[in-house]
Amino acid sequence: MPIVSNSASFHPPYFQFNGHLQSIIPGVFREVKNVQYERERFILSDGDFLDLDWIKKENQNLVILTHGLEGNSNRQYVKGMAKMFSQKNWDVLAWHCRSCSGEMNLKFRLYNHGEIGDIGEVINHALQTKDYQKVVLIGFSMGGNISMKYLGVHGKNIPPQIKKCVAFSAPCDLKSGAEILNNPTNKIYRDRFLRKLKAKIEYKASLFPGKIDLNNFKKIKVWRDFDELFSAPLNGFSSADAFYEYASAKNFMPGITIPTLLVNAQNDPILTPECSPKNICEKHPFIHLENPKKGGHCGFMLANDTFSWSEYRAWQFVKGEGHK
């Protein structure tokens, strides 16, 4: 599809004058009120569990929301999208990747950008729970990568109820994404991710003695080191490069068979141009690529508005407007 060019309408609040502020301020200060989830503990086929947060109102359509790295259903970008679609008379399912709901998962592995078995089980469970007529996938950052990889891998074999997908701030190229995290200006994001993941890995090591060498944390100098020493072995890969190849959605996006909108802001501090693969999107019959000049990473906050620009944009695309 032609590259979408109607992004000029997004204007952040005047005080959010760069990509860092547009990324950080919404995450810290934006409050989304009146979102009430109903939690379900879902047992996976391997005996592990996921926690699913639902908003059910006996609607015929369902939106499935997938959070970002170390995110959860209470992140402002998830709650805002949940509120938007709930008000439009859709059911909502905001699911948690393994270990992200506040309780450590049972199996040795955690979760990663390219693991699509879990989202597949979540989708199938949702369709068995109720006879939904239409399902839309919306993912944020890592969740956008997961959603698009799932669609690309399964192609025409996805459940027919899945009609569209929207991905915001998706790191479709994990190798370049790891490299940009090493920029000095991105230290705040790198340190936050490492701090939270380190705590989880330390706890996991206590549950599985002898399987994780915590001394490897002392060897981490750049983000790739973390992936080489922890992400790859925890997920059964021989190296960081093998993990990046497996996890990057852009390697699977040609297989997508439903209308999909990928929105990556040009000033996103932790994405690279490789994460917006124009060479794939401009020739693809279903993928719409949109690169607003502003928005930051999962930001897109509007001044004096209940909703963000990304929430309006997702609804516009899902209902069939503004995506040609």
Protein backbone atom coordinates (compact mmCIF):
# COMPACT_ATOMS: atom_id res chain seq x y z
CA MET A 1 0.00 0.00 0.00
CA PRO A 2 1.17 3.60 -0.50
CA ILE A 3 2.76 5.12 2.56
CA VAL A 4 0.08 6.91 4.60
CA SER A 5 0.66 10.65 4.58
CA ASN A 6 -2.18 12.08 6.69
CA SER A 7 -0.18 12.37 9.91
CA ALA A 8 0.19 16.14 9.93
CA SER A 9 -2.92 16.43 12.07
CA PHE A 10 -1.08 15.26 15.20
CA HIS A 11 0.19 18.09 17.40
CA PRO A 12 1.55 17.34 20.88
CA PRO A 13 1.15 19.75 23.80
CA TYR A 14 3.52 22.69 23.43
CA PHE A 15 5.65 21.66 26.42
CA GLN A 16 6.36 18.25 24.90
CA PHE A 17 8.79 19.69 22.39
CA ASN A 18 10.89 16.59 21.62
CA GLY A 19 10.60 12.83 21.32
CA HIS A 20 11.86 12.14 24.82
CA LEU A 21 9.24 14.34 26.46
CA GLN A 22 6.54 12.96 24.17
CA SER A 23 7.54 9.45 25.32
CA ILE A 24 8.06 10.03 29.05
CA ILE A 25 5.38 12.54 30.08
CA PRO A 26 2.37 10.45 28.98
CA GLY A 27 3.75 7.40 30.77
CA VAL A 28 4.32 9.31 34.01
CA PHE A 29 1.51 11.81 34.14
CA ARG A 30 -1.35 10.68 31.92
CA GLU A 31 -4.19 9.20 33.97
CA VAL A 32 -6.91 7.16 32.31
CA LYS A 33 -9.96 6.94 34.55
CA ASN A 34 -12.99 4.67 34.70
CA VAL A 35 -11.48 1.55 33.20
CA GLN A 36 -12.62 -1.53 35.14
CA TYR A 37 -11.11 -4.88 34.18
CA GLU A 38 -12.31 -8.35 35.09
CA ARG A 39 -9.31 -10.66 35.48
CA GLU A 40 -9.14 -14.26 34.29
CA ARG A 41 -6.32 -16.72 34.99
CA PHE A 42 -5.77 -18.63 31.73
CA ILE A 43 -3.81 -21.90 31.78
CA LEU A 44 -1.60 -22.41 28.73
CA SER A 45 -1.05 -25.71 26.96
CA ASP A 46 2.37 -26.11 28.61
CA GLY A 47 0.89 -25.70 32.11
CA ASP A 48 2.02 -22.10 32.61
CA PHE A 49 -0.47 -19.28 33.04
CA LEU A 50 -1.36 -15.86 31.68
CA ASP A 51 -3.55 -13.24 33.31
CA LEU A 52 -6.19 -11.77 31.02
CA ASP A 53 -7.97 -8.49 31.80
CA TRP A 54 -11.40 -8.23 30.18
CA ILE A 55 -14.03 -5.59 29.65
CA LYS A 56 -17.14 -7.51 28.63
CA LYS A 57 -20.41 -5.87 27.68
CA GLU A 58 -22.05 -8.55 25.55
CA ASN A 59 -20.70 -7.01 22.36
CA GLN A 60 -20.10 -8.90 19.12
CA ASN A 61 -16.68 -7.38 18.41
CA LEU A 62 -13.44 -7.79 20.38
CA VAL A 63 -10.17 -5.86 20.49
CA ILE A 64 -7.12 -7.73 21.81
CA LEU A 65 -4.45 -5.44 23.29
CA THR A 66 -0.80 -6.48 23.68
CA HIS A 67 1.46 -4.36 25.90
CA GLY A 68 5.11 -3.42 25.45
CA LEU A 69 8.33 -4.60 27.10
CA GLU A 70 7.78 -4.77 30.88
CA GLY A 71 4.33 -3.27 30.39
CA ASN A 72 0.93 -4.38 31.61
CA SER A 73 -2.77 -3.64 31.24
CA ASN A 74 -2.52 -0.58 33.47
CA ARG A 75 -0.09 1.28 31.23
CA GLN A 76 -1.73 4.45 29.98
CA TYR A 77 -1.53 3.43 26.33
CA VAL A 78 -3.37 0.15 27.04
CA LYS A 79 -6.02 1.66 29.31
CA GLY A 80 -6.64 4.52 26.91
CA MET A 81 -7.19 2.16 24.00
CA ALA A 82 -9.37 -0.08 26.18
CA LYS A 83 -11.51 2.90 27.14
CA MET A 84 -11.83 4.06 23.53
CA PHE A 85 -13.02 0.71 22.20
CA SER A 86 -15.24 -0.02 25.19
CA GLN A 87 -17.04 3.27 24.60
CA LYS A 88 -17.49 2.23 20.96
CA ASN A 89 -19.31 -0.92 22.16
CA TRP A 90 -16.49 -3.40 21.71
CA ASP A 91 -15.39 -6.01 24.23
CA VAL A 92 -11.77 -5.62 25.30
CA LEU A 93 -9.11 -8.19 26.18
CA ALA A 94 -5.82 -6.80 27.52
CA TRP A 95 -3.59 -9.81 28.10
CA HIS A 96 -0.30 -10.04 29.98
CA CYS A 97 2.82 -11.70 28.68
CA ARG A 98 4.36 -14.24 31.04
CA SER A 99 5.57 -12.58 34.28
CA CYS A 100 4.02 -9.19 33.49
CA SER A 101 0.80 -9.31 35.52
CA GLY A 102 2.42 -8.94 38.93
CA GLU A 103 3.11 -12.64 39.55
CA MET A 104 6.05 -14.64 38.24
CA ASN A 105 5.17 -17.30 35.70
CA LEU A 106 5.89 -20.97 36.40
CA LYS A 107 8.12 -22.10 33.55
CA PHE A 108 11.81 -21.30 33.12
CA ARG A 109 11.37 -18.94 30.20
CA LEU A 110 9.83 -15.50 30.46
CA TYR A 111 8.57 -13.77 27.30
CA ASN A 112 10.15 -12.08 24.30
CA HIS A 113 9.47 -9.89 21.29
CA GLY A 114 9.08 -12.81 18.91
CA GLU A 115 7.14 -15.39 20.94
CA ILE A 116 3.76 -15.82 19.22
CA GLY A 117 2.53 -19.10 20.68
CA ASP A 118 1.01 -17.36 23.68
CA ILE A 119 -0.91 -14.74 21.72
CA GLY A 120 -2.17 -17.53 19.49
CA GLU A 121 -3.53 -19.41 22.50
CA VAL A 122 -5.08 -16.20 23.85
CA ILE A 123 -6.85 -15.55 20.55
CA ASN A 124 -8.16 -19.10 20.32
CA HIS A 125 -9.34 -18.97 23.95
CA ALA A 126 -11.18 -15.70 23.33
CA LEU A 127 -12.94 -17.16 20.29
CA GLN A 128 -13.95 -20.22 22.29
CA THR A 129 -15.23 -18.03 25.10
CA LYS A 130 -17.69 -16.21 22.86
CA ASP A 131 -18.82 -16.21 19.27
CA TYR A 132 -17.21 -12.90 18.28
CA GLN A 133 -17.94 -11.72 14.76
CA LYS A 134 -14.94 -9.42 14.45
CA VAL A 135 -11.56 -9.35 16.23
CA VAL A 136 -8.91 -6.65 15.92
CA LEU A 137 -5.36 -6.89 17.25
CA ILE A 138 -3.68 -3.74 18.61
CA GLY A 139 -0.13 -3.87 19.91
CA PHE A 140 2.22 -1.35 21.45
CA SER A 141 6.00 -1.41 21.04
CA MET A 142 6.94 -5.07 21.66
CA GLY A 143 3.23 -5.92 21.49
CA GLY A 144 3.03 -4.43 18.01
CA ASN A 145 5.96 -6.57 16.92
CA ILE A 146 4.32 -9.68 18.40
CA SER A 147 0.97 -8.94 16.74
CA MET A 148 2.46 -8.43 13.29
CA LYS A 149 4.76 -11.44 13.55
CA TYR A 150 1.79 -13.60 14.53
CA LEU A 151 -0.11 -12.44 11.46
CA GLY A 152 2.89 -12.81 9.17
CA VAL A 153 3.77 -16.32 10.30
CA HIS A 154 0.23 -17.67 10.08
CA GLY A 155 -0.80 -15.79 6.94
CA LYS A 156 -4.10 -17.03 5.56
CA ASN A 157 -4.40 -19.56 8.40
CA ILE A 158 -5.36 -17.03 11.07
CA PRO A 159 -8.89 -17.30 12.48
CA PRO A 160 -11.29 -15.66 10.00
CA GLN A 161 -12.71 -13.43 12.74
CA ILE A 162 -9.47 -11.43 12.84
CA LYS A 163 -10.12 -8.53 10.49
CA LYS A 164 -7.48 -5.85 11.17
CA CYS A 165 -4.34 -5.03 13.14
CA VAL A 166 -2.80 -1.79 14.39
CA ALA A 167 0.75 -1.50 15.75
CA PHE A 168 2.19 1.58 17.43
CA SER A 169 5.89 2.24 18.06
CA ALA A 170 6.82 -1.30 17.00
CA PRO A 171 10.54 -2.29 16.96
CA CYS A 172 10.21 -4.44 13.85
CA ASP A 173 14.01 -4.72 13.56
CA LEU A 174 15.37 -5.92 16.91
CA LYS A 175 19.04 -5.69 15.99
CA SER A 176 18.92 -1.99 15.16
CA GLY A 177 16.61 -1.44 18.14
CA ALA A 178 19.22 -2.95 20.44
CA GLU A 179 21.91 -0.72 18.96
CA ILE A 180 19.97 2.53 19.36
CA LEU A 181 19.36 1.79 23.05
CA ASN A 182 23.09 2.30 23.54
CA ASN A 183 22.90 5.97 22.58
CA PRO A 184 23.78 8.13 25.60
CA THR A 185 20.47 9.98 25.24
CA ASN A 186 18.62 6.67 25.69
CA LYS A 187 20.24 5.75 29.00
CA ILE A 188 16.99 6.38 30.89
CA TYR A 189 15.13 3.76 28.84
CA ARG A 190 18.00 1.26 28.82
CA ASP A 191 18.51 1.48 32.58
CA ARG A 192 14.79 1.13 33.30
CA PHE A 193 14.43 -1.97 31.14
CA LEU A 194 17.58 -3.54 32.58
CA ARG A 195 16.58 -2.82 36.17
CA LYS A 196 13.18 -4.43 35.81
CA LEU A 197 14.40 -7.40 33.79
CA LYS A 198 17.34 -7.97 36.14
CA ALA A 199 14.97 -8.26 39.09
CA LYS A 200 12.87 -10.82 37.23
CA ILE A 201 15.88 -12.86 36.14
CA GLU A 202 17.28 -12.88 39.68
CA TYR A 203 13.95 -14.17 40.96
CA LYS A 204 13.80 -16.74 38.18
CA ALA A 205 17.30 -17.89 39.11
CA SER A 206 16.11 -18.53 42.67
CA LEU A 207 13.37 -20.78 41.30
CA PHE A 208 15.70 -22.67 38.96
CA PRO A 209 19.06 -23.03 40.79
CA GLY A 210 22.08 -23.48 38.56
CA LYS A 211 20.35 -22.58 35.30
CA ILE A 212 21.22 -18.86 35.20
CA ASP A 213 24.63 -17.33 35.82
CA LEU A 214 23.88 -14.02 37.52
CA ASN A 215 27.55 -13.04 37.33
CA ASN A 216 26.92 -12.33 33.66
CA PHE A 217 25.22 -9.09 34.67
CA LYS A 218 28.70 -7.73 35.40
CA LYS A 219 29.63 -8.31 31.76
CA ILE A 220 26.85 -6.15 30.32
CA LYS A 221 28.26 -3.05 28.64
CA VAL A 222 25.71 -2.55 25.85
CA TRP A 223 22.16 -3.84 25.32
CA ARG A 224 23.32 -6.54 22.92
CA ASP A 225 25.29 -8.06 25.81
CA PHE A 226 22.04 -8.55 27.71
CA ASP A 227 20.49 -10.30 24.73
CA GLU A 228 23.61 -12.43 24.20
CA LEU A 229 23.91 -13.46 27.84
CA PHE A 230 20.25 -13.67 28.87
CA SER A 231 17.60 -13.18 26.17
CA ALA A 232 19.10 -15.71 23.77
CA PRO A 233 19.86 -18.56 26.21
CA LEU A 234 16.63 -18.14 28.19
CA ASN A 235 14.70 -18.57 24.97
CA GLY A 236 16.80 -21.36 23.49
CA PHE A 237 18.88 -19.41 20.97
CA SER A 238 22.58 -19.77 20.32
CA SER A 239 23.28 -16.05 20.00
CA ALA A 240 21.78 -12.58 20.04
CA ASP A 241 21.84 -12.53 16.23
CA ALA A 242 19.81 -15.74 16.08
CA PHE A 243 17.34 -14.24 18.53
CA TYR A 244 17.06 -11.00 16.54
CA GLU A 245 16.41 -12.93 13.32
CA TYR A 246 13.66 -14.96 15.00
CA ALA A 247 12.04 -12.08 16.85
CA SER A 248 11.98 -9.25 14.29
CA ALA A 249 8.52 -8.83 12.75
CA LYS A 250 9.89 -7.34 9.55
CA ASN A 251 11.19 -10.79 8.60
CA PHE A 252 7.60 -12.09 8.62
CA MET A 253 5.51 -9.06 7.61
CA PRO A 254 5.30 -10.10 3.92
CA GLY A 255 3.00 -12.92 5.04
CA ILE A 256 0.34 -10.60 6.52
CA THR A 257 -3.05 -11.09 4.86
CA ILE A 258 -5.33 -8.54 6.59
CA PRO A 259 -5.30 -4.70 6.66
CA THR A 260 -2.59 -3.65 9.09
CA LEU A 261 -1.55 -0.17 10.18
CA LEU A 262 1.99 0.39 11.46
CA VAL A 263 2.52 3.79 13.12
CA ASN A 264 6.09 4.70 14.11
CA ALA A 265 6.87 8.33 14.91
CA GLN A 266 9.92 9.83 13.24
CA ASN A 267 11.09 11.25 16.57
CA ASP A 268 10.69 7.99 18.50
CA PRO A 269 13.95 7.89 20.51
CA ILE A 270 14.26 4.09 20.62
CA LEU A 271 13.25 3.14 17.08
CA THR A 272 15.34 3.23 13.92
CA PRO A 273 14.36 3.70 10.25
CA GLU A 274 14.80 -0.07 9.88
CA CYS A 275 11.81 -0.51 12.18
CA SER A 276 9.63 1.09 9.48
CA PRO A 277 10.47 -1.12 6.48
CA LYS A 278 9.20 1.02 3.64
CA ASN A 279 10.50 -1.39 1.01
CA ILE A 280 8.10 -4.01 2.35
CA CYS A 281 5.15 -1.76 3.13
CA GLU A 282 4.96 0.23 -0.09
CA LYS A 283 4.64 -2.96 -2.15
CA HIS A 284 2.39 -4.83 0.26
CA PRO A 285 -1.36 -5.08 -0.48
CA PHE A 286 -2.39 -4.94 3.20
CA ILE A 287 0.21 -3.03 5.23
CA HIS A 288 -0.21 0.72 5.73
CA LEU A 289 2.87 2.50 7.10
CA GLU A 290 2.47 5.84 8.83
CA ASN A 291 5.42 7.88 10.16
CA PRO A 292 4.19 11.00 11.96
CA LYS A 293 6.90 13.57 12.55
CA LYS A 294 6.07 13.61 16.26
CA GLY A 295 4.66 11.28 18.88
CA GLY A 296 7.63 9.76 20.68
CA HIS A 297 7.45 6.15 21.83
CA CYS A 298 3.89 5.09 22.69
CA GLY A 299 3.13 8.74 23.44
CA PHE A 300 0.89 10.64 21.00
CA MET A 301 -0.67 12.60 23.87
CA LEU A 302 -3.08 15.43 23.07
CA ALA A 303 -3.61 18.56 25.15
CA ASN A 304 -6.83 18.68 27.19
CA ASP A 305 -8.24 15.49 25.73
CA THR A 306 -9.38 12.27 27.36
CA PHE A 307 -7.91 10.26 24.53
CA SER A 308 -4.58 10.26 22.72
CA TRP A 309 -4.08 10.74 18.99
CA SER A 310 -3.14 7.06 18.69
CA GLU A 311 -6.48 5.99 20.15
CA TYR A 312 -8.40 8.15 17.69
CA ARG A 313 -6.16 6.92 14.89
CA ALA A 314 -6.68 3.24 15.75
CA TRP A 315 -10.46 3.65 15.84
CA GLN A 316 -10.41 5.55 12.55
CA PHE A 317 -8.49 2.72 10.89
CA VAL A 318 -10.59 -0.04 12.41
CA LYS A 319 -13.88 1.51 11.35
CA GLY A 320 -12.53 1.85 7.83
CA GLU A 321 -11.57 5.49 7.43
CA GLY A 322 -8.29 7.17 6.62
CA HIS A 323 -6.22 4.14 5.68
CA LYS A 324 -5.93 4.39 1.92
